[in-house]
């Protein structure tokens, strides 16, 4: 059975400018190269690295 909640568009637009950057966040520490990570891909906008569960890949923009 499919839930209709997955079929409805989001009413709120994503606003990246309102995001708060927390440099103490574990992901920020990986992005800033203050914590080690197995990086899968990196360019100017994306850093993809393996999660602690090695079957997952996290992409952070």
N, C-alpha and C. Protein backbone atom coordinates (compact mmCIF):
# COMPACT_ATOMS: atom_id res chain seq x y z
N UNK A 1 0.84 -1.19 0.00
CA UNK A 1 0.00 0.00 0.00
C UNK A 1 0.88 1.25 0.00
N UNK A 2 0.65 2.15 -0.90
CA UNK A 2 1.44 3.37 -1.01
C UNK A 2 0.76 4.51 -0.26
N UNK A 3 1.52 5.21 0.52
CA UNK A 3 0.99 6.36 1.25
C UNK A 3 0.94 7.57 0.34
N UNK A 4 -0.17 8.30 0.37
CA UNK A 4 -0.28 9.50 -0.47
C UNK A 4 0.65 10.61 0.00
N UNK A 5 1.19 10.50 1.22
CA UNK A 5 2.12 11.52 1.72
C UNK A 5 3.37 11.57 0.86
N UNK A 6 3.73 10.46 0.26
CA UNK A 6 4.93 10.42 -0.58
C UNK A 6 4.67 11.00 -1.97
N UNK A 7 3.43 11.22 -2.31
CA UNK A 7 3.08 11.69 -3.64
C UNK A 7 2.81 13.18 -3.69
N UNK A 8 2.71 13.82 -2.52
CA UNK A 8 2.40 15.25 -2.48
C UNK A 8 3.68 16.09 -2.52
N UNK A 9 3.68 17.17 -3.29
CA UNK A 9 4.86 18.05 -3.30
C UNK A 9 4.97 18.81 -1.97
N UNK A 10 6.15 19.19 -1.65
CA UNK A 10 6.40 19.96 -0.43
C UNK A 10 5.84 21.37 -0.61
N UNK A 11 5.16 21.89 0.39
CA UNK A 11 4.59 23.24 0.31
C UNK A 11 5.62 24.33 0.53
N UNK A 12 6.70 24.01 1.22
CA UNK A 12 7.72 25.01 1.53
C UNK A 12 8.91 24.84 0.59
N UNK A 13 9.35 25.93 0.03
CA UNK A 13 10.53 25.90 -0.84
C UNK A 13 11.78 25.81 0.03
N UNK A 14 12.74 25.05 -0.43
CA UNK A 14 14.01 24.91 0.28
C UNK A 14 14.81 26.19 0.10
N UNK A 15 15.24 26.78 1.20
CA UNK A 15 16.01 28.01 1.14
C UNK A 15 17.37 27.77 1.79
N UNK A 16 18.38 27.56 0.96
CA UNK A 16 19.73 27.28 1.45
C UNK A 16 20.28 28.46 2.25
N UNK A 17 19.86 29.69 1.94
CA UNK A 17 20.38 30.87 2.64
C UNK A 17 19.96 30.92 4.11
N UNK A 18 18.89 30.23 4.46
CA UNK A 18 18.42 30.23 5.84
C UNK A 18 19.04 29.09 6.66
N UNK A 19 19.87 28.27 6.03
CA UNK A 19 20.49 27.17 6.75
C UNK A 19 21.55 27.70 7.70
N UNK A 20 21.66 27.09 8.84
CA UNK A 20 22.65 27.48 9.83
C UNK A 20 23.83 26.52 9.75
N UNK A 21 25.03 27.05 9.62
CA UNK A 21 26.23 26.24 9.55
C UNK A 21 26.78 26.06 10.95
N UNK A 22 26.86 24.82 11.38
CA UNK A 22 27.39 24.49 12.70
C UNK A 22 28.72 23.79 12.49
N UNK A 23 29.82 24.48 12.73
CA UNK A 23 31.14 23.91 12.48
C UNK A 23 31.49 22.77 13.43
N UNK A 24 30.68 22.57 14.48
CA UNK A 24 30.91 21.47 15.41
C UNK A 24 30.16 20.20 14.99
N UNK A 25 29.33 20.30 13.96
CA UNK A 25 28.60 19.16 13.43
C UNK A 25 29.60 18.16 12.87
N UNK A 26 29.36 16.87 13.06
CA UNK A 26 30.29 15.84 12.59
C UNK A 26 30.51 15.92 11.09
N UNK A 27 29.48 16.26 10.32
CA UNK A 27 29.62 16.35 8.87
C UNK A 27 30.46 17.56 8.48
N UNK A 28 30.30 18.66 9.19
CA UNK A 28 31.13 19.84 8.94
C UNK A 28 32.59 19.54 9.22
N UNK A 29 32.85 18.76 10.26
CA UNK A 29 34.23 18.40 10.59
C UNK A 29 34.84 17.52 9.50
N UNK A 30 34.04 16.66 8.89
CA UNK A 30 34.53 15.84 7.78
C UNK A 30 34.78 16.72 6.56
N UNK A 31 33.85 17.63 6.27
CA UNK A 31 34.00 18.53 5.12
C UNK A 31 35.24 19.40 5.27
N UNK A 32 35.49 19.88 6.49
CA UNK A 32 36.66 20.72 6.76
C UNK A 32 37.95 19.92 6.92
N UNK A 33 37.85 18.60 6.76
CA UNK A 33 39.00 17.68 6.87
C UNK A 33 39.58 17.64 8.28
N UNK A 34 38.74 17.90 9.29
CA UNK A 34 39.17 17.80 10.68
C UNK A 34 38.89 16.42 11.26
N UNK A 35 38.10 15.62 10.56
CA UNK A 35 37.86 14.22 10.91
C UNK A 35 38.14 13.37 9.69
N UNK A 36 38.72 12.20 9.88
CA UNK A 36 39.01 11.35 8.72
C UNK A 36 37.73 10.74 8.14
N UNK A 37 37.75 10.53 6.83
CA UNK A 37 36.64 9.87 6.15
C UNK A 37 37.17 9.27 4.87
N UNK A 38 36.53 8.20 4.42
CA UNK A 38 36.90 7.61 3.14
C UNK A 38 36.09 8.32 2.06
N UNK A 39 36.74 9.27 1.39
CA UNK A 39 36.07 10.11 0.40
C UNK A 39 35.94 9.34 -0.91
N UNK A 40 34.72 9.30 -1.43
CA UNK A 40 34.42 8.61 -2.68
C UNK A 40 34.53 9.56 -3.86
N UNK A 41 34.06 10.79 -3.67
CA UNK A 41 34.08 11.79 -4.74
C UNK A 41 34.12 13.17 -4.10
N UNK A 42 34.85 14.09 -4.77
CA UNK A 42 34.90 15.46 -4.28
C UNK A 42 35.11 16.42 -5.44
N UNK A 43 34.33 17.51 -5.46
CA UNK A 43 34.57 18.61 -6.37
C UNK A 43 34.24 19.91 -5.63
N UNK A 44 34.02 21.00 -6.35
CA UNK A 44 33.80 22.30 -5.70
C UNK A 44 32.49 22.34 -4.90
N UNK A 45 31.52 21.51 -5.27
CA UNK A 45 30.20 21.58 -4.65
C UNK A 45 29.82 20.35 -3.84
N UNK A 46 30.47 19.23 -4.09
CA UNK A 46 30.04 17.97 -3.48
C UNK A 46 31.21 17.25 -2.82
N UNK A 47 30.93 16.67 -1.67
CA UNK A 47 31.86 15.77 -1.00
C UNK A 47 31.08 14.52 -0.65
N UNK A 48 31.41 13.40 -1.27
CA UNK A 48 30.73 12.13 -1.00
C UNK A 48 31.71 11.23 -0.27
N UNK A 49 31.25 10.64 0.83
CA UNK A 49 32.12 9.78 1.62
C UNK A 49 31.33 8.60 2.17
N UNK A 50 32.06 7.54 2.53
CA UNK A 50 31.41 6.35 3.06
C UNK A 50 30.91 6.61 4.46
N UNK A 51 29.75 6.07 4.72
CA UNK A 51 29.16 6.11 6.05
C UNK A 51 29.86 5.06 6.91
N UNK A 52 29.56 5.02 8.20
CA UNK A 52 30.16 4.00 9.05
C UNK A 52 29.64 2.61 8.68
N UNK A 53 28.47 2.55 8.04
CA UNK A 53 27.98 1.31 7.46
C UNK A 53 28.45 1.31 6.01
N UNK A 54 29.46 0.52 5.67
CA UNK A 54 30.14 0.66 4.37
C UNK A 54 29.29 0.41 3.13
N UNK A 55 28.04 0.02 3.28
CA UNK A 55 27.19 -0.15 2.10
C UNK A 55 26.48 1.14 1.73
N UNK A 56 26.61 2.18 2.55
CA UNK A 56 25.98 3.47 2.28
C UNK A 56 27.02 4.50 1.85
N UNK A 57 26.60 5.44 1.00
CA UNK A 57 27.45 6.57 0.63
C UNK A 57 26.65 7.83 0.91
N UNK A 58 27.25 8.77 1.63
CA UNK A 58 26.59 10.04 1.94
C UNK A 58 27.15 11.11 1.02
N UNK A 59 26.27 11.85 0.36
CA UNK A 59 26.69 12.96 -0.49
C UNK A 59 26.26 14.25 0.18
N UNK A 60 27.19 15.14 0.38
CA UNK A 60 26.91 16.38 1.08
C UNK A 60 27.23 17.55 0.18
N UNK A 61 26.24 18.43 -0.06
CA UNK A 61 26.49 19.58 -0.92
C UNK A 61 26.49 20.85 -0.13
